[in-house]
């Protein structure tokens, strides 16, 4: 069934979906198990088509014609949104293969295969793991394959098996995985339905198994949408996949693993909800608890596509707030925020509005995301976070943000400067429990996220400049008095002029936005 957009309360992020592109207007005609229409398939770059045909030929020639090849994740989503996709990700279903057949063994054989078959069109092939020692210890089979074709075009492809059940420990975001899963199980482990879409790649009927052909003419793509991702794209909504038809009691057993989680579910009123709604909330809670960074990713995709967060998100996210503060490195959070900054001024403003204004949770519902989002584990694994938000002045934030808006007469700030300035504006418009200063709160959040000097300076420079302008001027000396007399100013007026000039110089930016922000803070 369709999932209606969440109704955003006043002052929250405007997540109205962007109008679909002409190609995306036909998305209503694509359903689970159907062939991808040509208008979408033709958007696949030729270099990617060459790789897809190569994989099919390689498997056939190695006696593995029955191994399904899938394109997954954001690549499929972008196709359905009418965009030209990039970042090709493939999964191979090895469920029916002998144990010795792994992604690693297949990629190891590809280099020799390419050398013996120049008609493939590739001149070079390399593969490398993209995982840490911790991941290796958990026997994860994840590789990045590097292809170079005869025209010198280099393409990187992430290759994995279809994953079954994932098991997470309490202190790690890296799971132990069953690498012999089904496509449906693989889709269920994704954090959002719009990223849980798969396309099975096959040759068109009648094409020669060893014929590489050209373009996508010899390929066909079957869309697999197990969890309603197409409908969610159509509705412009972000939602987690959840197991279809699974008994609520089984989901409760899998998700509510501690007494605290059980009590939280009761406090949120999940027990009294209809079973399908409760399953959706609890499973999304599990998804977020397993990897709390997915909270940040959901907000990033809301900013990127201007999609709504499904109402169940706000019931699920309380389960992940504590691990979001303690389990996720601040640098990983900051990576997500820099991407939001790359989407532009308006998207970044709306992200901070949502983080600071949207209240949720049990009881009076006084929880806000900001205190869990901004900060994290620093380089020494020490948790440094914002204090709990007591009140947020939305209109004040917007007035500060307007001072930071690029005016068109100067170059737009980079993502670090934009995120740093707007984060400082949001913190300056906030009353925190504990009563620490804006600078102290901003600095602690920056420390927890290990931000760049550019991002830190974008916030601290105007904050310090406003304080310097508001401070009492230094006592005048004899030279000050003579200069004041020469320019027909009082000593006090001259002192204020000099003080303001020095503070403005400290903003260290050719663009006027930081100085405008400092003046807006001073007026407050």
Protein backbone atom coordinates (compact mmCIF):
# COMPACT_ATOMS: atom_id res chain seq x y z
CA UNK A 1 0.00 0.00 0.00
CA UNK A 2 1.15 3.59 -0.47
CA UNK A 3 2.89 5.20 2.48
CA UNK A 4 1.60 8.78 2.92
CA UNK A 5 4.11 11.52 3.57
CA UNK A 6 4.60 12.57 7.16
CA UNK A 7 2.95 15.88 7.96
CA UNK A 8 5.80 18.13 9.06
CA UNK A 9 5.05 20.24 12.14
CA UNK A 10 5.52 24.00 11.87
CA UNK A 11 9.15 25.01 11.56
CA UNK A 12 10.49 21.64 10.50
CA UNK A 13 12.33 20.71 7.37
CA UNK A 14 10.43 21.32 4.14
CA UNK A 15 10.69 17.88 2.61
CA UNK A 16 8.34 18.28 -0.32
CA UNK A 17 9.56 15.91 -3.01
CA UNK A 18 11.12 17.43 -6.07
CA UNK A 19 9.10 17.14 -9.26
CA UNK A 20 10.20 13.99 -11.11
CA UNK A 21 12.17 14.30 -14.29
CA UNK A 22 10.41 13.35 -17.55
CA UNK A 23 11.98 9.89 -17.52
CA UNK A 24 10.92 9.30 -13.91
CA UNK A 25 7.30 10.06 -14.79
CA UNK A 26 6.95 6.48 -16.09
CA UNK A 27 7.98 4.98 -12.75
CA UNK A 28 4.34 4.09 -12.06
CA UNK A 29 4.62 1.54 -14.86
CA UNK A 30 7.51 -0.38 -13.26
CA UNK A 31 6.66 -3.01 -10.66
CA UNK A 32 8.35 -5.89 -8.90
CA UNK A 33 9.31 -8.65 -11.33
CA UNK A 34 8.86 -6.52 -14.46
CA UNK A 35 11.43 -5.61 -17.09
CA UNK A 36 12.97 -2.19 -16.84
CA UNK A 37 11.63 0.05 -19.64
CA UNK A 38 14.10 1.07 -22.31
CA UNK A 39 13.87 4.75 -21.37
CA UNK A 40 15.53 3.89 -18.07
CA UNK A 41 17.96 1.25 -19.36
CA UNK A 42 19.40 3.64 -21.93
CA UNK A 43 20.65 5.85 -19.11
CA UNK A 44 23.14 3.19 -18.04
CA UNK A 45 26.61 4.36 -19.15
CA UNK A 46 28.27 2.31 -21.88
CA UNK A 47 31.26 1.58 -19.66
CA UNK A 48 28.94 0.06 -17.05
CA UNK A 49 27.11 -2.00 -19.68
CA UNK A 50 30.44 -3.42 -20.83
CA UNK A 51 31.20 -4.56 -17.28
CA UNK A 52 27.75 -6.12 -16.83
CA UNK A 53 28.11 -8.10 -20.07
CA UNK A 54 31.61 -9.12 -19.05
CA UNK A 55 30.36 -10.55 -15.73
CA UNK A 56 27.69 -12.59 -17.52
CA UNK A 57 30.21 -13.94 -20.06
CA UNK A 58 32.74 -14.73 -17.36
CA UNK A 59 30.21 -16.72 -15.34
CA UNK A 60 29.01 -18.65 -18.40
CA UNK A 61 32.55 -19.53 -19.45
CA UNK A 62 33.36 -20.72 -15.93
CA UNK A 63 30.35 -23.03 -15.68
CA UNK A 64 28.40 -20.67 -13.40
CA UNK A 65 25.68 -19.52 -15.79
CA UNK A 66 23.11 -20.05 -13.05
CA UNK A 67 24.67 -17.46 -10.72
CA UNK A 68 22.36 -14.41 -10.75
CA UNK A 69 23.97 -10.98 -11.14
CA UNK A 70 22.22 -8.00 -9.56
CA UNK A 71 22.72 -4.26 -9.71
CA UNK A 72 21.71 -2.83 -6.36
CA UNK A 73 21.19 0.17 -4.14
CA UNK A 74 21.48 3.78 -5.16
CA UNK A 75 22.28 2.89 -8.76
CA UNK A 76 18.77 1.49 -9.26
CA UNK A 77 17.17 4.33 -7.31
CA UNK A 78 18.87 6.94 -9.47
CA UNK A 79 17.77 5.19 -12.65
CA UNK A 80 14.16 5.28 -11.46
CA UNK A 81 14.50 8.95 -10.56
CA UNK A 82 15.44 9.64 -14.17
CA UNK A 83 19.09 10.33 -13.40
CA UNK A 84 22.25 8.98 -15.01
CA UNK A 85 23.59 6.62 -12.34
CA UNK A 86 27.15 6.20 -11.16
CA UNK A 87 28.92 4.07 -8.53
CA UNK A 88 28.02 0.67 -9.95
CA UNK A 89 27.44 -1.87 -7.15
CA UNK A 90 26.95 -5.56 -7.96
CA UNK A 91 25.85 -8.53 -5.90
CA UNK A 92 26.27 -12.15 -6.92
CA UNK A 93 23.91 -14.75 -5.48
CA UNK A 94 26.14 -17.66 -4.49
CA UNK A 95 23.48 -19.41 -2.41
CA UNK A 96 23.48 -22.57 -4.56
CA UNK A 97 27.25 -22.63 -5.22
CA UNK A 98 29.85 -24.85 -3.54
CA UNK A 99 31.54 -23.34 -0.49
CA UNK A 100 34.78 -22.73 -2.38
CA UNK A 101 33.02 -20.37 -4.81
CA UNK A 102 33.25 -16.90 -3.27
CA UNK A 103 33.43 -13.38 -4.58
CA UNK A 104 37.13 -13.45 -3.74
CA UNK A 105 37.77 -16.60 -5.78
CA UNK A 106 35.80 -15.28 -8.74
CA UNK A 107 37.61 -11.95 -8.82
CA UNK A 108 40.96 -13.70 -8.47
CA UNK A 109 40.17 -15.61 -11.66
CA UNK A 110 39.03 -12.55 -13.61
CA UNK A 111 42.49 -11.12 -14.20
CA UNK A 112 43.65 -14.30 -16.02
CA UNK A 113 40.36 -14.50 -17.90
CA UNK A 114 40.75 -10.96 -19.25
CA UNK A 115 44.33 -11.64 -20.30
CA UNK A 116 43.20 -14.67 -22.33
CA UNK A 117 40.16 -12.94 -23.82
CA UNK A 118 41.12 -9.53 -25.25
CA UNK A 119 37.80 -9.33 -27.08
CA UNK A 120 36.30 -8.48 -23.68
CA UNK A 121 37.48 -4.96 -24.32
CA UNK A 122 39.41 -4.56 -21.06
CA UNK A 123 43.14 -3.97 -20.90
CA UNK A 124 43.60 -4.04 -17.14
CA UNK A 125 41.87 -5.50 -14.08
CA UNK A 126 42.68 -5.23 -10.40
CA UNK A 127 40.76 -6.15 -7.29
CA UNK A 128 41.25 -5.11 -3.70
CA UNK A 129 39.42 -5.44 -0.43
CA UNK A 130 37.74 -2.30 0.85
CA UNK A 131 37.43 -3.44 4.43
CA UNK A 132 39.29 -3.14 7.72
CA UNK A 133 41.04 -5.85 9.71
CA UNK A 134 37.97 -6.01 11.94
CA UNK A 135 35.83 -6.83 8.92
CA UNK A 136 38.32 -9.43 7.68
CA UNK A 137 38.09 -11.14 11.06
CA UNK A 138 34.35 -11.46 10.51
CA UNK A 139 34.89 -13.10 7.09
CA UNK A 140 33.16 -10.44 5.05
CA UNK A 141 33.51 -10.85 1.31
CA UNK A 142 33.56 -7.27 0.01
CA UNK A 143 35.75 -6.16 -2.88
CA UNK A 144 36.30 -3.24 -5.18
CA UNK A 145 37.08 -4.30 -8.75
CA UNK A 146 38.97 -1.89 -11.00
CA UNK A 147 38.38 -2.18 -14.76
CA UNK A 148 40.19 -0.29 -17.53
CA UNK A 149 38.70 -0.62 -21.00
CA UNK A 150 40.44 -0.28 -24.36
CA UNK A 151 39.61 3.44 -24.45
CA UNK A 152 41.39 3.99 -21.14
CA UNK A 153 38.16 4.53 -19.17
CA UNK A 154 38.61 3.37 -15.57
CA UNK A 155 35.61 2.10 -13.62
CA UNK A 156 35.41 0.94 -10.02
CA UNK A 157 32.77 -1.59 -9.05
CA UNK A 158 31.89 -2.77 -5.55
CA UNK A 159 31.16 -6.50 -5.62
CA UNK A 160 29.54 -8.49 -2.82
CA UNK A 161 27.54 -11.68 -2.40
CA UNK A 162 23.86 -11.46 -1.57
CA UNK A 163 23.84 -11.24 2.23
CA UNK A 164 21.49 -13.13 4.51
CA UNK A 165 21.19 -12.54 8.23
CA UNK A 166 23.41 -9.90 9.81
CA UNK A 167 24.40 -9.99 13.48
CA UNK A 168 25.70 -6.88 15.24
CA UNK A 169 27.54 -6.66 18.55
CA UNK A 170 26.69 -3.92 21.03
CA UNK A 171 29.96 -2.02 20.48
CA UNK A 172 30.43 -2.22 16.71
CA UNK A 173 28.71 -1.10 13.52
CA UNK A 174 30.36 -3.96 11.60
CA UNK A 175 28.18 -7.08 11.40
CA UNK A 176 28.90 -10.75 11.04
CA UNK A 177 27.13 -11.82 7.85
CA UNK A 178 25.69 -14.92 6.24
CA UNK A 179 27.18 -14.70 2.74
CA UNK A 180 24.80 -17.21 1.22
CA UNK A 181 21.64 -15.15 1.43
CA UNK A 182 18.78 -14.68 -1.02
CA UNK A 183 18.08 -11.43 -2.92
CA UNK A 184 15.09 -10.78 -0.67
CA UNK A 185 17.21 -11.19 2.45
CA UNK A 186 19.88 -8.94 0.96
CA UNK A 187 17.31 -6.21 0.29
CA UNK A 188 15.93 -6.47 3.84
CA UNK A 189 19.27 -5.54 5.39
CA UNK A 190 19.30 -2.14 3.62
CA UNK A 191 18.42 0.93 5.64
CA UNK A 192 15.89 2.50 3.24
CA UNK A 193 13.44 0.99 0.76
CA UNK A 194 14.63 3.34 -2.01
CA UNK A 195 18.09 1.78 -1.63
CA UNK A 196 16.76 -1.79 -1.32
CA UNK A 197 15.89 -2.08 -5.01
CA UNK A 198 17.66 -4.69 -7.14
CA UNK A 199 17.89 -5.28 -10.89
CA UNK A 200 18.71 -8.75 -12.12
CA UNK A 201 20.89 -8.53 -15.22
CA UNK A 202 20.40 -11.13 -17.96
CA UNK A 203 20.98 -11.44 -21.68
CA UNK A 204 18.10 -10.79 -24.00
CA UNK A 205 16.50 -13.94 -25.39
CA UNK A 206 18.47 -15.28 -28.34
CA UNK A 207 21.74 -13.45 -27.64
CA UNK A 208 24.95 -15.45 -27.69
CA UNK A 209 26.39 -16.17 -24.25
CA UNK A 210 29.91 -15.30 -25.36
CA UNK A 211 28.98 -12.32 -27.52
CA UNK A 212 29.78 -9.05 -25.77
CA UNK A 213 27.91 -6.87 -28.26
CA UNK A 214 27.64 -3.14 -27.59
CA UNK A 215 25.70 -0.85 -25.25
CA UNK A 216 22.72 -2.27 -23.38
CA UNK A 217 21.19 -3.78 -26.53
CA UNK A 218 22.03 -7.31 -25.45
CA UNK A 219 21.00 -6.88 -21.82
CA UNK A 220 17.69 -6.87 -20.02
CA UNK A 221 16.97 -5.83 -16.46
CA UNK A 222 14.33 -7.24 -14.14
CA UNK A 223 13.32 -4.98 -11.27
CA UNK A 224 13.09 -6.60 -7.84
CA UNK A 225 11.20 -4.47 -5.33
CA UNK A 226 10.46 -6.63 -2.31
CA UNK A 227 9.65 -3.84 0.13
CA UNK A 228 7.82 -1.07 -1.71
CA UNK A 229 10.73 1.11 -2.78
CA UNK A 230 9.09 2.14 -6.06
CA UNK A 231 5.96 3.30 -4.27
CA UNK A 232 8.06 5.22 -1.76
CA UNK A 233 9.91 6.98 -4.59
CA UNK A 234 6.56 7.84 -6.14
CA UNK A 235 5.29 9.21 -2.82
CA UNK A 236 8.56 10.98 -2.01
CA UNK A 237 8.97 9.25 1.34
CA UNK A 238 11.86 7.59 3.18
CA UNK A 239 11.08 4.37 5.00
CA UNK A 240 12.96 1.31 6.18
CA UNK A 241 12.30 -2.12 4.69
CA UNK A 242 10.55 -4.42 7.13
CA UNK A 243 9.85 -8.15 6.93
CA UNK A 244 6.61 -8.78 5.08
CA UNK A 245 4.13 -10.99 6.91
CA UNK A 246 6.41 -11.65 9.87
CA UNK A 247 4.66 -12.21 13.18
CA UNK A 248 4.82 -9.26 15.57
CA UNK A 249 5.91 -11.48 18.47
CA UNK A 250 8.88 -12.72 16.45
CA UNK A 251 9.89 -9.14 15.61
CA UNK A 252 9.57 -8.09 19.25
CA UNK A 253 11.82 -10.97 20.27
CA UNK A 254 14.41 -10.01 17.67
CA UNK A 255 14.38 -6.28 18.40
CA UNK A 256 13.55 -5.82 22.08
CA UNK A 257 16.65 -7.56 23.36
CA UNK A 258 16.99 -5.65 26.64
CA UNK A 259 14.72 -4.59 29.44
CA UNK A 260 15.39 -0.93 28.57
CA UNK A 261 14.26 -1.47 24.97
CA UNK A 262 11.09 -3.23 26.12
CA UNK A 263 10.26 -0.37 28.48
CA UNK A 264 10.92 2.19 25.76
CA UNK A 265 8.57 0.40 23.37
CA UNK A 266 5.87 0.47 26.02
CA UNK A 267 6.47 4.16 26.77
CA UNK A 268 6.18 4.96 23.06
CA UNK A 269 2.84 3.17 22.92
CA UNK A 270 4.03 0.68 20.30
CA UNK A 271 2.25 -2.18 22.09
CA UNK A 272 -1.14 -0.63 21.34
CA UNK A 273 -0.56 -0.07 17.63
CA UNK A 274 -1.84 -2.31 14.82
CA UNK A 275 0.61 -5.13 14.12
CA UNK A 276 1.82 -3.90 10.67
CA UNK A 277 2.56 -0.44 12.06
CA UNK A 278 4.31 -1.87 15.12
CA UNK A 279 6.45 -4.16 12.94
CA UNK A 280 7.47 -1.21 10.75
CA UNK A 281 8.53 0.85 13.78
CA UNK A 282 10.31 -1.96 15.60
CA UNK A 283 12.20 -3.15 12.54
CA UNK A 284 13.33 0.37 11.72
CA UNK A 285 14.39 0.66 15.35
CA UNK A 286 16.49 -2.48 14.86
CA UNK A 287 18.01 -1.09 11.65
CA UNK A 288 19.00 2.12 13.45
CA UNK A 289 20.28 0.37 16.57
CA UNK A 290 22.41 -2.00 14.49
CA UNK A 291 24.07 0.94 12.74
CA UNK A 292 23.12 4.31 14.27
CA UNK A 293 24.87 6.17 11.44
CA UNK A 294 21.75 5.32 9.45
CA UNK A 295 19.98 8.11 11.35
CA UNK A 296 22.38 10.57 9.72
CA UNK A 297 22.00 8.88 6.35
CA UNK A 298 18.21 9.16 6.51
CA UNK A 299 18.49 12.88 7.18
CA UNK A 300 20.99 13.25 4.34
CA UNK A 301 18.70 11.55 1.84
CA UNK A 302 15.81 13.70 3.04
CA UNK A 303 17.96 16.74 2.26
CA UNK A 304 19.24 15.36 -1.04
CA UNK A 305 15.92 14.30 -2.56
CA UNK A 306 13.63 16.53 -0.47
CA UNK A 307 11.71 13.43 0.59
CA UNK A 308 9.66 13.14 3.79
CA UNK A 309 10.67 10.88 6.63
CA UNK A 310 7.91 8.33 7.18
CA UNK A 311 6.13 8.93 10.55
CA UNK A 312 7.48 5.62 11.87
CA UNK A 313 10.98 7.13 11.86
CA UNK A 314 10.15 9.31 14.85
CA UNK A 315 8.93 6.29 16.83
CA UNK A 316 11.98 4.23 15.83
CA UNK A 317 14.76 6.76 16.35
CA UNK A 318 14.55 6.87 20.20
CA UNK A 319 15.93 3.32 20.22
CA UNK A 320 19.12 4.56 18.51
CA UNK A 321 19.88 7.85 20.30
CA UNK A 322 22.23 6.44 22.93
CA UNK A 323 24.25 4.29 20.47
CA UNK A 324 24.31 7.23 18.03
CA UNK A 325 26.20 9.16 20.70
CA UNK A 326 28.52 6.38 21.84
CA UNK A 327 28.88 3.88 18.98
CA UNK A 328 29.57 6.14 15.98
CA UNK A 329 32.83 7.95 15.29
CA UNK A 330 32.25 11.67 14.95
CA UNK A 331 34.21 11.73 11.70
CA UNK A 332 31.64 9.43 10.08
CA UNK A 333 28.81 11.71 11.12
CA UNK A 334 30.67 14.72 9.80
CA UNK A 335 31.14 12.99 6.44
CA UNK A 336 27.35 12.81 6.12
CA UNK A 337 26.96 16.50 7.08
CA UNK A 338 29.56 17.59 4.55
CA UNK A 339 27.50 15.85 1.87
CA UNK A 340 24.45 17.77 3.06
CA UNK A 341 26.49 20.96 2.80
CA UNK A 342 27.25 20.01 -0.78
CA UNK A 343 23.52 20.06 -1.57
CA UNK A 344 23.45 23.82 -1.03
CA UNK A 345 22.43 26.51 1.41
CA UNK A 346 18.71 25.73 1.61
CA UNK A 347 19.16 21.99 2.14
CA UNK A 348 21.72 22.66 4.87
CA UNK A 349 19.43 25.16 6.63
CA UNK A 350 16.54 22.72 6.57
CA UNK A 351 18.73 19.97 8.00
CA UNK A 352 19.60 22.10 11.05
CA UNK A 353 15.98 23.21 11.45
CA UNK A 354 14.85 19.59 11.54
CA UNK A 355 17.63 18.58 13.94
CA UNK A 356 16.80 21.35 16.42
CA UNK A 357 13.02 21.80 16.12
CA UNK A 358 11.47 18.37 15.67
CA UNK A 359 10.52 16.94 19.05
CA UNK A 360 9.66 13.30 19.65
CA UNK A 361 9.94 10.49 22.17
CA UNK A 362 7.96 9.12 25.11
CA UNK A 363 6.10 11.18 27.68
CA UNK A 364 6.14 14.87 26.81
CA UNK A 365 8.14 14.13 23.65
CA UNK A 366 10.95 16.54 24.48
CA UNK A 367 13.74 14.71 22.64
CA UNK A 368 15.53 16.42 19.72
CA UNK A 369 18.05 14.95 17.33
CA UNK A 370 20.61 17.75 17.62
CA UNK A 371 22.15 16.52 20.89
CA UNK A 372 22.81 13.10 19.37
CA UNK A 373 23.80 14.25 15.88
CA UNK A 374 26.35 16.96 16.61
CA UNK A 375 29.41 15.44 18.21
CA UNK A 376 30.63 11.90 18.63
CA UNK A 377 33.72 9.91 19.51
CA UNK A 378 36.81 12.05 19.03
CA UNK A 379 40.23 10.78 17.92
CA UNK A 380 40.80 9.30 21.39
CA UNK A 381 37.36 7.60 21.42
CA UNK A 382 36.11 10.09 24.00
CA UNK A 383 32.48 11.07 23.52
CA UNK A 384 31.96 14.82 23.08
CA UNK A 385 28.41 15.93 22.28
CA UNK A 386 26.13 18.92 22.42
CA UNK A 387 24.22 19.35 25.66
CA UNK A 388 20.50 18.55 25.69
CA UNK A 389 18.42 21.23 23.97
CA UNK A 390 15.97 23.03 26.25
CA UNK A 391 14.59 25.52 23.72
CA UNK A 392 15.29 26.62 20.16
CA UNK A 393 14.39 30.01 18.68
CA UNK A 394 13.56 29.19 15.07
CA UNK A 395 13.06 32.79 13.95
CA UNK A 396 16.36 33.80 15.49
CA UNK A 397 18.12 30.95 13.68
CA UNK A 398 16.58 32.04 10.41
CA UNK A 399 17.74 35.60 10.95
CA UNK A 400 21.29 34.37 11.59
CA UNK A 401 21.08 32.04 8.58
CA UNK A 402 19.95 34.89 6.32
CA UNK A 403 23.17 36.70 7.21
CA UNK A 404 25.10 33.65 5.98
CA UNK A 405 23.17 33.22 2.74
CA UNK A 406 25.39 33.62 -0.35
CA UNK A 407 24.40 36.85 -2.08
CA UNK A 408 25.55 36.03 -5.60
CA UNK A 409 28.21 38.73 -5.63
CA UNK A 410 30.84 36.40 -4.18
CA UNK A 411 31.68 32.75 -4.62
CA UNK A 412 29.56 30.27 -2.70
CA UNK A 413 31.22 28.85 0.39
CA UNK A 414 32.43 25.27 0.36
CA UNK A 415 30.61 22.61 2.37
CA UNK A 416 32.86 22.91 5.47
CA UNK A 417 32.34 26.68 5.68
CA UNK A 418 28.60 26.39 5.06
CA UNK A 419 28.05 23.61 7.60
CA UNK A 420 30.28 25.30 10.20
CA UNK A 421 28.57 28.67 9.88
CA UNK A 422 25.04 27.30 10.00
CA UNK A 423 25.88 24.95 12.89
CA UNK A 424 27.16 27.96 14.84
CA UNK A 425 23.97 29.86 13.94
CA UNK A 426 21.78 26.99 15.18
CA UNK A 427 23.73 26.64 18.43
CA UNK A 428 23.60 30.41 18.98
CA UNK A 429 19.79 30.25 18.69
CA UNK A 430 19.55 27.45 21.27
CA UNK A 431 19.15 27.35 25.03
CA UNK A 432 20.92 24.30 26.42
CA UNK A 433 20.58 22.48 29.70
CA UNK A 434 23.67 23.25 31.73
CA UNK A 435 23.92 26.83 30.51
CA UNK A 436 27.29 26.59 28.73
CA UNK A 437 28.26 29.30 26.26
CA UNK A 438 27.63 29.09 22.53
CA UNK A 439 31.36 28.88 21.88
CA UNK A 440 31.80 26.05 24.40
CA UNK A 441 28.95 24.04 22.86
CA UNK A 442 30.15 24.67 19.30
CA UNK A 443 33.75 23.75 20.15
CA UNK A 444 32.75 20.54 21.90
CA UNK A 445 30.64 19.42 18.94
CA UNK A 446 33.53 20.21 16.58
CA UNK A 447 35.94 18.25 18.79
CA UNK A 448 33.61 15.24 18.82
CA UNK A 449 33.36 15.23 15.03
CA UNK A 450 37.07 15.98 14.42
CA UNK A 451 36.10 18.68 11.93
CA UNK A 452 38.43 20.53 9.60
CA UNK A 453 39.99 23.86 10.53
CA UNK A 454 37.88 25.51 7.82
CA UNK A 455 34.62 24.29 9.37
CA UNK A 456 35.68 25.23 12.90
CA UNK A 457 36.83 28.71 11.85
CA UNK A 458 33.60 29.33 9.91
CA UNK A 459 31.73 29.21 13.20
CA UNK A 460 34.25 30.43 15.74
CA UNK A 461 35.39 33.53 13.81
CA UNK A 462 31.98 35.29 13.81
CA UNK A 463 31.16 34.06 17.32
CA UNK A 464 34.40 35.51 18.70
CA UNK A 465 34.06 38.68 16.61
CA UNK A 466 30.63 39.41 18.09
CA UNK A 467 31.97 38.93 21.61
CA UNK A 468 34.92 41.20 20.92
CA UNK A 469 32.64 43.92 19.57
CA UNK A 470 30.36 43.64 22.60
CA UNK A 471 33.22 43.83 25.12
CA UNK A 472 34.18 47.05 26.87
CA UNK A 473 36.85 48.88 24.84
CA UNK A 474 40.38 49.16 26.16
CA UNK A 475 41.15 52.36 28.13
CA UNK A 476 42.35 55.09 25.72
CA UNK A 477 45.96 56.27 25.75
CA UNK A 478 47.40 59.62 24.77
CA UNK A 479 47.66 58.67 21.08
CA UNK A 480 44.02 57.59 21.04
CA UNK A 481 42.98 61.00 22.37
CA UNK A 482 45.03 62.89 19.74
CA UNK A 483 43.61 60.72 16.90
CA UNK A 484 40.06 61.19 18.18
CA UNK A 485 40.56 64.95 18.26
CA UNK A 486 42.01 64.93 14.72
CA UNK A 487 39.05 63.02 13.24
CA UNK A 488 36.46 64.89 15.33
CA UNK A 489 35.24 61.87 17.26
CA UNK A 490 34.89 61.28 20.93
CA UNK A 491 37.46 58.95 22.46
CA UNK A 492 34.66 56.48 23.12
CA UNK A 493 33.46 56.56 19.51
CA UNK A 494 36.97 56.08 18.20
CA UNK A 495 37.48 53.15 20.55
CA UNK A 496 34.32 51.49 19.24
CA UNK A 497 35.35 52.05 15.62
CA UNK A 498 38.75 50.48 16.20
CA UNK A 499 37.27 47.64 18.20
CA UNK A 500 34.73 46.89 15.46
CA UNK A 501 37.39 47.09 12.73
CA UNK A 502 39.66 44.65 14.51
CA UNK A 503 36.79 42.25 15.17
CA UNK A 504 35.71 42.35 11.51
CA UNK A 505 39.28 41.66 10.41
CA UNK A 506 39.33 38.56 12.62
CA UNK A 507 36.57 37.00 10.50
CA UNK A 508 39.28 36.15 7.94
CA UNK A 509 37.05 35.89 4.90
CA UNK A 510 36.80 37.84 1.68
CA UNK A 511 33.07 37.13 1.53
CA UNK A 512 30.85 39.33 3.73
CA UNK A 513 28.75 36.51 5.22
CA UNK A 514 30.86 35.93 8.34
CA UNK A 515 30.93 39.63 9.15
CA UNK A 516 27.18 39.86 8.57
CA UNK A 517 26.67 36.94 10.94
CA UNK A 518 28.89 38.55 13.58
CA UNK A 519 26.86 41.77 13.35
CA UNK A 520 23.60 39.81 13.61
CA UNK A 521 24.91 38.14 16.77
CA UNK A 522 25.92 41.54 18.14
CA UNK A 523 22.44 42.97 17.54
CA UNK A 524 20.99 40.07 19.50
